C-alpha cells in the first residue's frame, strides 16, 4: 500500500490517499478541518458532535486508538486513547463502548472508506 498526499495551492496538506495495487483507493484521511461531513462534523469536532449526528455502528479498540464506524456511512472516526478516562487508556484487552467515551474527546482522524 502506498500513500499519496494531496495539497492545496500554496502547499497546505488536504488529504492522504491510501492506494493498494497501484490503482485502487482504499481510504482517504482528511487532514484539513475545512472538510466537513454532510452532517457538519470535522476535525475540530468532538465525540459529542459525532454521537449527536450519527449512529455509531461499531467501536473498534486498538492499542492507542478507538475507531468509530458509522451506520450507513463510509466515514469513520478515530479518537486517541489519551482522550479517554485513565482506567481505559492503558488496557489492551478492554473493549471500549461508545458510552465510555467522554463528550469532549477530540477527533484524531477523519477517514473516508473508498472501497
PDB file of N, CA and C in Angstrom:
ATOM      1  N   UNK A   1       0.850  -1.172   0.000  1.00  0.00           N
ATOM      2  CA  UNK A   1       0.000   0.000   0.000  1.00  0.00           C
ATOM      3  C   UNK A   1       0.895   1.234   0.000  1.00  0.00           C
ATOM      4  N   UNK A   2       0.524   2.175  -0.827  1.00  0.00           N
ATOM      5  CA  UNK A   2       1.271   3.437  -0.838  1.00  0.00           C
ATOM      6  C   UNK A   2       0.322   4.576  -0.491  1.00  0.00           C
ATOM      7  N   UNK A   3       0.887   5.652  -0.020  1.00  0.00           N
ATOM      8  CA  UNK A   3       0.103   6.823   0.361  1.00  0.00           C
ATOM      9  C   UNK A   3       0.510   8.003  -0.497  1.00  0.00           C
ATOM     10  N   UNK A   4      -0.482   8.701  -0.998  1.00  0.00           N
ATOM     11  CA  UNK A   4      -0.272   9.914  -1.788  1.00  0.00           C
ATOM     12  C   UNK A   4      -0.861  11.085  -1.017  1.00  0.00           C
ATOM     13  N   UNK A   5      -0.144  12.174  -0.988  1.00  0.00           N
ATOM     14  CA  UNK A   5      -0.596  13.364  -0.282  1.00  0.00           C
ATOM     15  C   UNK A   5      -1.136  14.379  -1.288  1.00  0.00           C
ATOM     16  N   UNK A   6      -2.277  14.948  -0.968  1.00  0.00           N
ATOM     17  CA  UNK A   6      -2.916  15.952  -1.815  1.00  0.00           C
ATOM     18  C   UNK A   6      -2.812  17.296  -1.089  1.00  0.00           C
ATOM     19  N   UNK A   7      -2.269  18.287  -1.801  1.00  0.00           N
ATOM     20  CA  UNK A   7      -2.040  19.603  -1.205  1.00  0.00           C
ATOM     21  C   UNK A   7      -2.859  20.659  -1.940  1.00  0.00           C
ATOM     22  N   UNK A   8      -3.205  21.718  -1.226  1.00  0.00           N
ATOM     23  CA  UNK A   8      -3.841  22.839  -1.883  1.00  0.00           C
ATOM     24  C   UNK A   8      -2.765  23.726  -2.492  1.00  0.00           C
ATOM     25  N   UNK A   9      -3.168  24.609  -3.365  1.00  0.00           N
ATOM     26  CA  UNK A   9      -2.242  25.575  -3.932  1.00  0.00           C
ATOM     27  C   UNK A   9      -1.643  26.359  -2.766  1.00  0.00           C
ATOM     28  N   UNK A  10      -0.340  26.414  -2.686  1.00  0.00           N
ATOM     29  CA  UNK A  10       0.313  27.055  -1.553  1.00  0.00           C
ATOM     30  C   UNK A  10       0.951  26.050  -0.611  1.00  0.00           C
ATOM     31  N   UNK A  11       0.614  24.768  -0.755  1.00  0.00           N
ATOM     32  CA  UNK A  11       1.325  23.731  -0.035  1.00  0.00           C
ATOM     33  C   UNK A  11       0.669  23.158   1.204  1.00  0.00           C
ATOM     34  N   UNK A  12      -0.478  23.649   1.631  1.00  0.00           N
ATOM     35  CA  UNK A  12      -1.127  23.103   2.818  1.00  0.00           C
ATOM     36  C   UNK A  12      -1.704  21.721   2.503  1.00  0.00           C
ATOM     37  N   UNK A  13      -1.409  20.695   3.358  1.00  0.00           N
ATOM     38  CA  UNK A  13      -1.938  19.357   3.096  1.00  0.00           C
ATOM     39  C   UNK A  13      -3.444  19.284   3.312  1.00  0.00           C
ATOM     40  N   UNK A  14      -4.141  18.628   2.384  1.00  0.00           N
ATOM     41  CA  UNK A  14      -5.594  18.482   2.462  1.00  0.00           C
ATOM     42  C   UNK A  14      -6.015  17.054   2.806  1.00  0.00           C
ATOM     43  N   UNK A  15      -5.446  16.077   2.088  1.00  0.00           N
ATOM     44  CA  UNK A  15      -5.826  14.681   2.235  1.00  0.00           C
ATOM     45  C   UNK A  15      -4.610  13.789   2.063  1.00  0.00           C
ATOM     46  N   UNK A  16      -4.701  12.576   2.625  1.00  0.00           N
ATOM     47  CA  UNK A  16      -3.785  11.495   2.313  1.00  0.00           C
ATOM     48  C   UNK A  16      -4.629  10.371   1.731  1.00  0.00           C
ATOM     49  N   UNK A  17      -4.241   9.890   0.568  1.00  0.00           N
ATOM     50  CA  UNK A  17      -4.969   8.826  -0.114  1.00  0.00           C
ATOM     51  C   UNK A  17      -4.140   7.556  -0.023  1.00  0.00           C
ATOM     52  N   UNK A  18      -4.737   6.477   0.518  1.00  0.00           N
ATOM     53  CA  UNK A  18      -4.071   5.176   0.589  1.00  0.00           C
ATOM     54  C   UNK A  18      -4.482   4.357  -0.621  1.00  0.00           C
ATOM     55  N   UNK A  19      -3.478   3.879  -1.351  1.00  0.00           N
ATOM     56  CA  UNK A  19      -3.716   3.174  -2.610  1.00  0.00           C
ATOM     57  C   UNK A  19      -3.084   1.782  -2.541  1.00  0.00           C
ATOM     58  N   UNK A  20      -3.860   0.769  -2.896  1.00  0.00           N
ATOM     59  CA  UNK A  20      -3.320  -0.586  -2.973  1.00  0.00           C
ATOM     60  C   UNK A  20      -3.274  -1.020  -4.427  1.00  0.00           C
ATOM     61  N   UNK A  21      -2.409  -1.922  -4.730  1.00  0.00           N
ATOM     62  CA  UNK A  21      -2.266  -2.464  -6.088  1.00  0.00           C
ATOM     63  C   UNK A  21      -2.071  -1.378  -7.136  1.00  0.00           C
ATOM     64  N   UNK A  22      -1.526  -0.250  -6.748  1.00  0.00           N
ATOM     65  CA  UNK A  22      -1.218   0.882  -7.625  1.00  0.00           C
ATOM     66  C   UNK A  22      -2.417   1.507  -8.334  1.00  0.00           C
ATOM     67  N   UNK A  23      -3.617   0.977  -8.124  1.00  0.00           N
ATOM     68  CA  UNK A  23      -4.761   1.537  -8.834  1.00  0.00           C
ATOM     69  C   UNK A  23      -6.022   1.683  -7.993  1.00  0.00           C
ATOM     70  N   UNK A  24      -6.073   1.059  -6.838  1.00  0.00           N
ATOM     71  CA  UNK A  24      -7.302   1.044  -6.054  1.00  0.00           C
ATOM     72  C   UNK A  24      -7.154   1.913  -4.818  1.00  0.00           C
ATOM     73  N   UNK A  25      -8.049   2.891  -4.678  1.00  0.00           N
ATOM     74  CA  UNK A  25      -8.049   3.728  -3.484  1.00  0.00           C
ATOM     75  C   UNK A  25      -8.745   2.954  -2.374  1.00  0.00           C
ATOM     76  N   UNK A  26      -8.045   2.786  -1.246  1.00  0.00           N
ATOM     77  CA  UNK A  26      -8.625   2.100  -0.096  1.00  0.00           C
ATOM     78  C   UNK A  26      -9.370   3.078   0.810  1.00  0.00           C
ATOM     79  N   UNK A  27      -8.688   4.167   1.161  1.00  0.00           N
ATOM     80  CA  UNK A  27      -9.325   5.155   2.016  1.00  0.00           C
ATOM     81  C   UNK A  27      -8.654   6.508   1.861  1.00  0.00           C
ATOM     82  N   UNK A  28      -9.332   7.503   2.385  1.00  0.00           N
ATOM     83  CA  UNK A  28      -8.830   8.869   2.354  1.00  0.00           C
ATOM     84  C   UNK A  28      -8.811   9.385   3.786  1.00  0.00           C
ATOM     85  N   UNK A  29      -7.679   9.910   4.200  1.00  0.00           N
ATOM     86  CA  UNK A  29      -7.581  10.542   5.512  1.00  0.00           C
ATOM     87  C   UNK A  29      -7.657  12.052   5.316  1.00  0.00           C
ATOM     88  N   UNK A  30      -8.624  12.668   5.951  1.00  0.00           N
ATOM     89  CA  UNK A  30      -8.820  14.110   5.853  1.00  0.00           C
ATOM     90  C   UNK A  30      -7.830  14.796   6.788  1.00  0.00           C
ATOM     91  N   UNK A  31      -7.063  15.759   6.260  1.00  0.00           N
ATOM     92  CA  UNK A  31      -6.074  16.482   7.048  1.00  0.00           C
ATOM     93  C   UNK A  31      -6.477  17.928   7.327  1.00  0.00           C
ATOM     94  N   UNK A  32      -7.453  18.417   6.608  1.00  0.00           N
ATOM     95  CA  UNK A  32      -7.849  19.821   6.692  1.00  0.00           C
ATOM     96  C   UNK A  32      -9.205  19.950   7.386  1.00  0.00           C
ATOM     97  N   UNK A  33      -9.270  20.729   8.457  1.00  0.00           N
ATOM     98  CA  UNK A  33     -10.544  20.863   9.178  1.00  0.00           C
ATOM     99  C   UNK A  33     -11.634  21.594   8.396  1.00  0.00           C
ATOM    100  N   UNK A  34     -11.302  22.158   7.253  1.00  0.00           N
ATOM    101  CA  UNK A  34     -12.338  22.785   6.423  1.00  0.00           C
ATOM    102  C   UNK A  34     -13.262  21.748   5.803  1.00  0.00           C
ATOM    103  N   UNK A  35     -12.766  20.509   5.640  1.00  0.00           N
ATOM    104  CA  UNK A  35     -13.639  19.457   5.119  1.00  0.00           C
ATOM    105  C   UNK A  35     -14.635  19.102   6.221  1.00  0.00           C
ATOM    106  N   UNK A  36     -15.894  19.143   5.904  1.00  0.00           N
ATOM    107  CA  UNK A  36     -16.957  18.828   6.851  1.00  0.00           C
ATOM    108  C   UNK A  36     -17.851  17.749   6.243  1.00  0.00           C
ATOM    109  N   UNK A  37     -18.230  16.783   7.056  1.00  0.00           N
ATOM    110  CA  UNK A  37     -19.125  15.742   6.568  1.00  0.00           C
ATOM    111  C   UNK A  37     -20.499  16.342   6.265  1.00  0.00           C
ATOM    112  N   UNK A  38     -21.341  15.561   5.628  1.00  0.00           N
ATOM    113  CA  UNK A  38     -22.675  16.043   5.281  1.00  0.00           C
ATOM    114  C   UNK A  38     -23.496  16.416   6.513  1.00  0.00           C
ATOM    115  N   UNK A  39     -23.066  15.969   7.688  1.00  0.00           N
ATOM    116  CA  UNK A  39     -23.786  16.297   8.924  1.00  0.00           C
ATOM    117  C   UNK A  39     -23.015  17.290   9.793  1.00  0.00           C
ATOM    118  N   UNK A  40     -22.001  17.938   9.217  1.00  0.00           N
ATOM    119  CA  UNK A  40     -21.325  19.030   9.893  1.00  0.00           C
ATOM    120  C   UNK A  40     -20.199  18.665  10.831  1.00  0.00           C
ATOM    121  N   UNK A  41     -19.685  17.451  10.770  1.00  0.00           N
ATOM    122  CA  UNK A  41     -18.588  17.035  11.646  1.00  0.00           C
ATOM    123  C   UNK A  41     -17.272  17.187  10.902  1.00  0.00           C
ATOM    124  N   UNK A  42     -16.260  17.736  11.597  1.00  0.00           N
ATOM    125  CA  UNK A  42     -14.929  17.893  11.006  1.00  0.00           C
ATOM    126  C   UNK A  42     -13.863  17.592  12.051  1.00  0.00           C
ATOM    127  N   UNK A  43     -12.609  17.839  11.719  1.00  0.00           N
ATOM    128  CA  UNK A  43     -11.506  17.520  12.626  1.00  0.00           C
ATOM    129  C   UNK A  43     -11.502  18.359  13.902  1.00  0.00           C
ATOM    130  N   UNK A  44     -12.242  19.436  13.929  1.00  0.00           N
ATOM    131  CA  UNK A  44     -12.330  20.267  15.130  1.00  0.00           C
ATOM    132  C   UNK A  44     -13.520  19.870  16.008  1.00  0.00           C
ATOM    133  N   UNK A  45     -14.275  18.887  15.578  1.00  0.00           N
ATOM    134  CA  UNK A  45     -15.445  18.419  16.314  1.00  0.00           C
ATOM    135  C   UNK A  45     -15.018  17.507  17.460  1.00  0.00           C
ATOM    136  N   UNK A  46     -15.998  17.150  18.283  1.00  0.00           N
ATOM    137  CA  UNK A  46     -15.766  16.258  19.416  1.00  0.00           C
ATOM    138  C   UNK A  46     -16.631  15.002  19.275  1.00  0.00           C
ATOM    139  N   UNK A  47     -16.420  14.079  20.204  1.00  0.00           N
ATOM    140  CA  UNK A  47     -17.234  12.868  20.200  1.00  0.00           C
ATOM    141  C   UNK A  47     -18.717  13.212  20.328  1.00  0.00           C
ATOM    142  N   UNK A  48     -19.040  14.217  21.103  1.00  0.00           N
ATOM    143  CA  UNK A  48     -20.449  14.634  21.243  1.00  0.00           C
ATOM    144  C   UNK A  48     -21.042  14.997  19.888  1.00  0.00           C
ATOM    145  N   UNK A  49     -20.283  15.691  19.053  1.00  0.00           N
ATOM    146  CA  UNK A  49     -20.765  16.042  17.713  1.00  0.00           C
ATOM    147  C   UNK A  49     -21.032  14.786  16.883  1.00  0.00           C
ATOM    148  N   UNK A  50     -20.169  13.796  17.028  1.00  0.00           N
ATOM    149  CA  UNK A  50     -20.353  12.537  16.294  1.00  0.00           C
ATOM    150  C   UNK A  50     -21.631  11.855  16.751  1.00  0.00           C
ATOM    151  N   UNK A  51     -21.775  11.662  18.065  1.00  0.00           N
ATOM    152  CA  UNK A  51     -22.940  10.908  18.555  1.00  0.00           C
ATOM    153  C   UNK A  51     -24.246  11.667  18.373  1.00  0.00           C
ATOM    154  N   UNK A  52     -24.192  12.999  18.339  1.00  0.00           N
ATOM    155  CA  UNK A  52     -25.408  13.785  18.113  1.00  0.00           C
ATOM    156  C   UNK A  52     -25.867  13.746  16.654  1.00  0.00           C
ATOM    157  N   UNK A  53     -24.946  13.442  15.744  1.00  0.00           N
ATOM    158  CA  UNK A  53     -25.265  13.500  14.318  1.00  0.00           C
ATOM    159  C   UNK A  53     -25.268  12.153  13.604  1.00  0.00           C
ATOM    160  N   UNK A  54     -24.709  11.138  14.228  1.00  0.00           N
ATOM    161  CA  UNK A  54     -24.589   9.831  13.587  1.00  0.00           C
ATOM    162  C   UNK A  54     -24.987   8.717  14.545  1.00  0.00           C
ATOM    163  N   UNK A  55     -25.302   7.571  13.965  1.00  0.00           N
ATOM    164  CA  UNK A  55     -25.486   6.352  14.747  1.00  0.00           C
ATOM    165  C   UNK A  55     -24.196   5.555  14.642  1.00  0.00           C
ATOM    166  N   UNK A  56     -23.600   5.268  15.773  1.00  0.00           N
ATOM    167  CA  UNK A  56     -22.348   4.511  15.792  1.00  0.00           C
ATOM    168  C   UNK A  56     -22.689   3.025  15.650  1.00  0.00           C
ATOM    169  N   UNK A  57     -22.150   2.435  14.599  1.00  0.00           N
ATOM    170  CA  UNK A  57     -22.410   1.025  14.294  1.00  0.00           C
ATOM    171  C   UNK A  57     -21.497   0.103  15.082  1.00  0.00           C
ATOM    172  N   UNK A  58     -20.229   0.501  15.225  1.00  0.00           N
ATOM    173  CA  UNK A  58     -19.241  -0.378  15.838  1.00  0.00           C
ATOM    174  C   UNK A  58     -18.115   0.465  16.410  1.00  0.00           C
ATOM    175  N   UNK A  59     -17.573   0.011  17.546  1.00  0.00           N
ATOM    176  CA  UNK A  59     -16.400   0.642  18.153  1.00  0.00           C
ATOM    177  C   UNK A  59     -15.300  -0.406  18.162  1.00  0.00           C
ATOM    178  N   UNK A  60     -14.183  -0.070  17.534  1.00  0.00           N
ATOM    179  CA  UNK A  60     -13.041  -0.977  17.481  1.00  0.00           C
ATOM    180  C   UNK A  60     -11.936  -0.390  18.347  1.00  0.00           C
ATOM    181  N   UNK A  61     -11.454  -1.171  19.282  1.00  0.00           N
ATOM    182  CA  UNK A  61     -10.407  -0.721  20.189  1.00  0.00           C
ATOM    183  C   UNK A  61      -9.066  -1.264  19.714  1.00  0.00           C
ATOM    184  N   UNK A  62      -8.090  -0.377  19.548  1.00  0.00           N
ATOM    185  CA  UNK A  62      -6.733  -0.801  19.208  1.00  0.00           C
ATOM    186  C   UNK A  62      -5.796  -0.391  20.337  1.00  0.00           C
ATOM    187  N   UNK A  63      -4.530  -0.569  20.133  1.00  0.00           N
ATOM    188  CA  UNK A  63      -3.561  -0.292  21.192  1.00  0.00           C
ATOM    189  C   UNK A  63      -3.570   1.180  21.633  1.00  0.00           C
ATOM    190  N   UNK A  64      -3.654   2.100  20.677  1.00  0.00           N
ATOM    191  CA  UNK A  64      -3.559   3.518  21.000  1.00  0.00           C
ATOM    192  C   UNK A  64      -4.804   4.334  20.666  1.00  0.00           C
ATOM    193  N   UNK A  65      -5.763   3.719  19.990  1.00  0.00           N
ATOM    194  CA  UNK A  65      -6.905   4.467  19.480  1.00  0.00           C
ATOM    195  C   UNK A  65      -8.204   3.703  19.644  1.00  0.00           C
ATOM    196  N   UNK A  66      -9.289   4.435  19.441  1.00  0.00           N
ATOM    197  CA  UNK A  66     -10.621   3.863  19.340  1.00  0.00           C
ATOM    198  C   UNK A  66     -11.172   4.333  17.993  1.00  0.00           C
ATOM    199  N   UNK A  67     -11.639   3.386  17.181  1.00  0.00           N
ATOM    200  CA  UNK A  67     -12.168   3.718  15.865  1.00  0.00           C
ATOM    201  C   UNK A  67     -13.686   3.561  15.912  1.00  0.00           C
ATOM    202  N   UNK A  68     -14.378   4.595  15.443  1.00  0.00           N
ATOM    203  CA  UNK A  68     -15.835   4.615  15.450  1.00  0.00           C
ATOM    204  C   UNK A  68     -16.347   4.460  14.027  1.00  0.00           C
ATOM    205  N   UNK A  69     -17.039   3.359  13.758  1.00  0.00           N
ATOM    206  CA  UNK A  69     -17.630   3.121  12.454  1.00  0.00           C
ATOM    207  C   UNK A  69     -19.086   3.576  12.517  1.00  0.00           C
ATOM    208  N   UNK A  70     -19.502   4.264  11.491  1.00  0.00           N
ATOM    209  CA  UNK A  70     -20.800   4.909  11.452  1.00  0.00           C
ATOM    210  C   UNK A  70     -21.780   4.084  10.616  1.00  0.00           C
ATOM    211  N   UNK A  71     -23.010   3.975  11.104  1.00  0.00           N
ATOM    212  CA  UNK A  71     -24.047   3.231  10.382  1.00  0.00           C
ATOM    213  C   UNK A  71     -24.407   3.956   9.086  1.00  0.00           C
ATOM    214  N   UNK A  72     -24.472   3.206   7.996  1.00  0.00           N
ATOM    215  CA  UNK A  72     -24.878   3.712   6.678  1.00  0.00           C
ATOM    216  C   UNK A  72     -24.006   4.870   6.178  1.00  0.00           C
ATOM    217  N   UNK A  73     -22.709   4.797   6.464  1.00  0.00           N
ATOM    218  CA  UNK A  73     -21.785   5.839   6.019  1.00  0.00           C
ATOM    219  C   UNK A  73     -20.410   5.240   5.746  1.00  0.00           C
ATOM    220  N   UNK A  74     -19.697   5.843   4.815  1.00  0.00           N
ATOM    221  CA  UNK A  74     -18.317   5.442   4.529  1.00  0.00           C
ATOM    222  C   UNK A  74     -17.321   6.228   5.372  1.00  0.00           C
ATOM    223  N   UNK A  75     -17.817   7.145   6.190  1.00  0.00           N
ATOM    224  CA  UNK A  75     -16.967   7.943   7.061  1.00  0.00           C
ATOM    225  C   UNK A  75     -16.745   7.181   8.365  1.00  0.00           C
ATOM    226  N   UNK A  76     -15.507   7.230   8.883  1.00  0.00           N
ATOM    227  CA  UNK A  76     -15.253   6.716  10.221  1.00  0.00           C
ATOM    228  C   UNK A  76     -14.256   7.624  10.915  1.00  0.00           C
ATOM    229  N   UNK A  77     -14.273   7.565  12.243  1.00  0.00           N
ATOM    230  CA  UNK A  77     -13.502   8.491  13.061  1.00  0.00           C
ATOM    231  C   UNK A  77     -12.587   7.724  14.007  1.00  0.00           C
ATOM    232  N   UNK A  78     -11.423   8.310  14.278  1.00  0.00           N
ATOM    233  CA  UNK A  78     -10.502   7.742  15.251  1.00  0.00           C
ATOM    234  C   UNK A  78     -10.335   8.741  16.380  1.00  0.00           C
ATOM    235  N   UNK A  79     -10.376   8.222  17.601  1.00  0.00           N
ATOM    236  CA  UNK A  79     -10.131   9.021  18.793  1.00  0.00           C
ATOM    237  C   UNK A  79      -8.948   8.396  19.514  1.00  0.00           C
ATOM    238  N   UNK A  80      -7.987   9.217  19.894  1.00  0.00           N
ATOM    239  CA  UNK A  80      -6.808   8.756  20.621  1.00  0.00           C
ATOM    240  C   UNK A  80      -7.231   8.310  22.020  1.00  0.00           C
ATOM    241  N   UNK A  81      -6.648   7.220  22.496  1.00  0.00           N
ATOM    242  CA  UNK A  81      -6.965   6.740  23.837  1.00  0.00           C
ATOM    243  C   UNK A  81      -6.583   7.759  24.914  1.00  0.00           C
ATOM    244  N   UNK A  82      -5.706   8.704  24.593  1.00  0.00           N
ATOM    245  CA  UNK A  82      -5.347   9.749  25.551  1.00  0.00           C
ATOM    246  C   UNK A  82      -6.551  10.615  25.911  1.00  0.00           C
ATOM    247  N   UNK A  83      -7.571  10.594  25.074  1.00  0.00           N
ATOM    248  CA  UNK A  83      -8.799  11.361  25.307  1.00  0.00           C
ATOM    249  C   UNK A  83      -9.767  10.641  26.256  1.00  0.00           C
ATOM    250  N   UNK A  84      -9.457   9.396  26.598  1.00  0.00           N
ATOM    251  CA  UNK A  84     -10.340   8.571  27.425  1.00  0.00           C
ATOM    252  C   UNK A  84      -9.972   8.671  28.903  1.00  0.00           C
ATOM    253  N   UNK A  85     -10.882   8.253  29.779  1.00  0.00           N
ATOM    254  CA  UNK A  85     -10.543   8.191  31.196  1.00  0.00           C
ATOM    255  C   UNK A  85      -9.321   7.297  31.410  1.00  0.00           C
ATOM    256  N   UNK A  86      -8.550   7.610  32.419  1.00  0.00           N
ATOM    257  CA  UNK A  86      -7.272   6.926  32.653  1.00  0.00           C
ATOM    258  C   UNK A  86      -7.409   5.412  32.761  1.00  0.00           C
ATOM    259  N   UNK A  87      -8.478   4.922  33.364  1.00  0.00           N
ATOM    260  CA  UNK A  87      -8.632   3.470  33.528  1.00  0.00           C
ATOM    261  C   UNK A  87      -8.821   2.735  32.194  1.00  0.00           C
ATOM    262  N   UNK A  88      -9.132   3.458  31.122  1.00  0.00           N
ATOM    263  CA  UNK A  88      -9.311   2.831  29.805  1.00  0.00           C
ATOM    264  C   UNK A  88      -8.105   3.011  28.889  1.00  0.00           C
ATOM    265  N   UNK A  89      -7.222   3.904  29.214  1.00  0.00           N
ATOM    266  CA  UNK A  89      -6.107   4.245  28.314  1.00  0.00           C
ATOM    267  C   UNK A  89      -5.087   3.143  28.139  1.00  0.00           C
ATOM    268  N   UNK A  90      -4.800   2.406  29.182  1.00  0.00           N
ATOM    269  CA  UNK A  90      -3.631   1.529  29.179  1.00  0.00           C
ATOM    270  C   UNK A  90      -3.949   0.054  29.042  1.00  0.00           C
ATOM    271  N   UNK A  91      -5.200  -0.298  28.946  1.00  0.00           N
ATOM    272  CA  UNK A  91      -5.566  -1.693  28.816  1.00  0.00           C
ATOM    273  C   UNK A  91      -5.777  -2.047  27.346  1.00  0.00           C
ATOM    274  N   UNK A  92      -5.067  -3.056  26.883  1.00  0.00           N
ATOM    275  CA  UNK A  92      -5.226  -3.518  25.505  1.00  0.00           C
ATOM    276  C   UNK A  92      -6.353  -4.536  25.372  1.00  0.00           C
ATOM    277  N   UNK A  93      -6.805  -5.078  26.477  1.00  0.00           N
ATOM    278  CA  UNK A  93      -7.829  -6.116  26.446  1.00  0.00           C
ATOM    279  C   UNK A  93      -9.240  -5.570  26.601  1.00  0.00           C
ATOM    280  N   UNK A  94      -9.358  -4.303  26.915  1.00  0.00           N
ATOM    281  CA  UNK A  94     -10.667  -3.721  27.160  1.00  0.00           C
ATOM    282  C   UNK A  94     -11.342  -3.338  25.855  1.00  0.00           C
ATOM    283  N   UNK A  95     -12.537  -3.841  25.653  1.00  0.00           N
ATOM    284  CA  UNK A  95     -13.348  -3.393  24.531  1.00  0.00           C
ATOM    285  C   UNK A  95     -14.118  -2.166  24.994  1.00  0.00           C
ATOM    286  N   UNK A  96     -13.786  -1.053  24.443  1.00  0.00           N
ATOM    287  CA  UNK A  96     -14.392   0.207  24.853  1.00  0.00           C
ATOM    288  C   UNK A  96     -15.716   0.376  24.125  1.00  0.00           C
ATOM    289  N   UNK A  97     -16.712   0.837  24.844  1.00  0.00           N
ATOM    290  CA  UNK A  97     -18.023   1.095  24.272  1.00  0.00           C
ATOM    291  C   UNK A  97     -18.196   2.603  24.115  1.00  0.00           C
ATOM    292  N   UNK A  98     -19.067   2.996  23.188  1.00  0.00           N
ATOM    293  CA  UNK A  98     -19.279   4.412  22.911  1.00  0.00           C
ATOM    294  C   UNK A  98     -19.671   5.187  24.162  1.00  0.00           C
ATOM    295  N   UNK A  99     -20.435   4.573  25.038  1.00  0.00           N
ATOM    296  CA  UNK A  99     -20.907   5.255  26.245  1.00  0.00           C
ATOM    297  C   UNK A  99     -19.753   5.642  27.182  1.00  0.00           C
ATOM    298  N   UNK A 100     -18.593   4.995  27.025  1.00  0.00           N
ATOM    299  CA  UNK A 100     -17.438   5.269  27.870  1.00  0.00           C
ATOM    300  C   UNK A 100     -16.573   6.425  27.351  1.00  0.00           C
ATOM    301  N   UNK A 101     -16.838   6.883  26.156  1.00  0.00           N
ATOM    302  CA  UNK A 101     -16.033   7.952  25.560  1.00  0.00           C
ATOM    303  C   UNK A 101     -16.591   9.294  26.022  1.00  0.00           C
ATOM    304  N   UNK A 102     -15.745  10.157  26.572  1.00  0.00           N
ATOM    305  CA  UNK A 102     -16.224  11.472  27.031  1.00  0.00           C
ATOM    306  C   UNK A 102     -16.700  12.335  25.864  1.00  0.00           C
ATOM    307  N   UNK A 103     -17.737  13.129  26.106  1.00  0.00           N
ATOM    308  CA  UNK A 103     -18.276  14.024  25.080  1.00  0.00           C
ATOM    309  C   UNK A 103     -17.209  14.949  24.507  1.00  0.00           C
ATOM    310  N   UNK A 104     -16.263  15.373  25.336  1.00  0.00           N
ATOM    311  CA  UNK A 104     -15.250  16.347  24.912  1.00  0.00           C
ATOM    312  C   UNK A 104     -14.070  15.716  24.167  1.00  0.00           C
ATOM    313  N   UNK A 105     -14.070  14.388  23.998  1.00  0.00           N
ATOM    314  CA  UNK A 105     -12.953  13.717  23.308  1.00  0.00           C
ATOM    315  C   UNK A 105     -12.822  14.262  21.891  1.00  0.00           C
ATOM    316  N   UNK A 106     -11.590  14.640  21.533  1.00  0.00           N
ATOM    317  CA  UNK A 106     -11.322  15.222  20.221  1.00  0.00           C
ATOM    318  C   UNK A 106     -11.103  14.131  19.177  1.00  0.00           C
ATOM    319  N   UNK A 107     -11.435  14.456  17.953  1.00  0.00           N
ATOM    320  CA  UNK A 107     -11.218  13.544  16.829  1.00  0.00           C
ATOM    321  C   UNK A 107      -9.751  13.609  16.416  1.00  0.00           C
ATOM    322  N   UNK A 108      -9.133  12.461  16.313  1.00  0.00           N
ATOM    323  CA  UNK A 108      -7.736  12.376  15.859  1.00  0.00           C
ATOM    324  C   UNK A 108      -7.675  12.267  14.337  1.00  0.00           C
ATOM    325  N   UNK A 109      -8.482  11.367  13.780  1.00  0.00           N
ATOM    326  CA  UNK A 109      -8.522  11.158  12.337  1.00  0.00           C
ATOM    327  C   UNK A 109      -9.968  11.122  11.865  1.00  0.00           C
ATOM    328  N   UNK A 110     -10.188  11.687  10.705  1.00  0.00           N
ATOM    329  CA  UNK A 110     -11.459  11.570   9.989  1.00  0.00           C
ATOM    330  C   UNK A 110     -11.107  10.852   8.693  1.00  0.00           C
ATOM    331  N   UNK A 111     -11.694   9.698   8.498  1.00  0.00           N
ATOM    332  CA  UNK A 111     -11.367   8.853   7.350  1.00  0.00           C
ATOM    333  C   UNK A 111     -12.606   8.601   6.511  1.00  0.00           C
ATOM    334  N   UNK A 112     -12.367   8.373   5.225  1.00  0.00           N
ATOM    335  CA  UNK A 112     -13.428   8.001   4.298  1.00  0.00           C
ATOM    336  C   UNK A 112     -13.018   6.693   3.643  1.00  0.00           C
ATOM    337  N   UNK A 113     -13.818   5.663   3.857  1.00  0.00           N
ATOM    338  CA  UNK A 113     -13.552   4.375   3.235  1.00  0.00           C
ATOM    339  C   UNK A 113     -13.974   4.466   1.778  1.00  0.00           C
ATOM    340  N   UNK A 114     -13.102   4.040   0.891  1.00  0.00           N
ATOM    341  CA  UNK A 114     -13.347   4.225  -0.538  1.00  0.00           C
ATOM    342  C   UNK A 114     -13.704   2.926  -1.236  1.00  0.00           C
ATOM    343  N   UNK A 115     -13.679   1.823  -0.522  1.00  0.00           N
ATOM    344  CA  UNK A 115     -13.949   0.528  -1.176  1.00  0.00           C
ATOM    345  C   UNK A 115     -15.420   0.283  -1.325  1.00  0.00           C
TER     346      UNK A 115
END
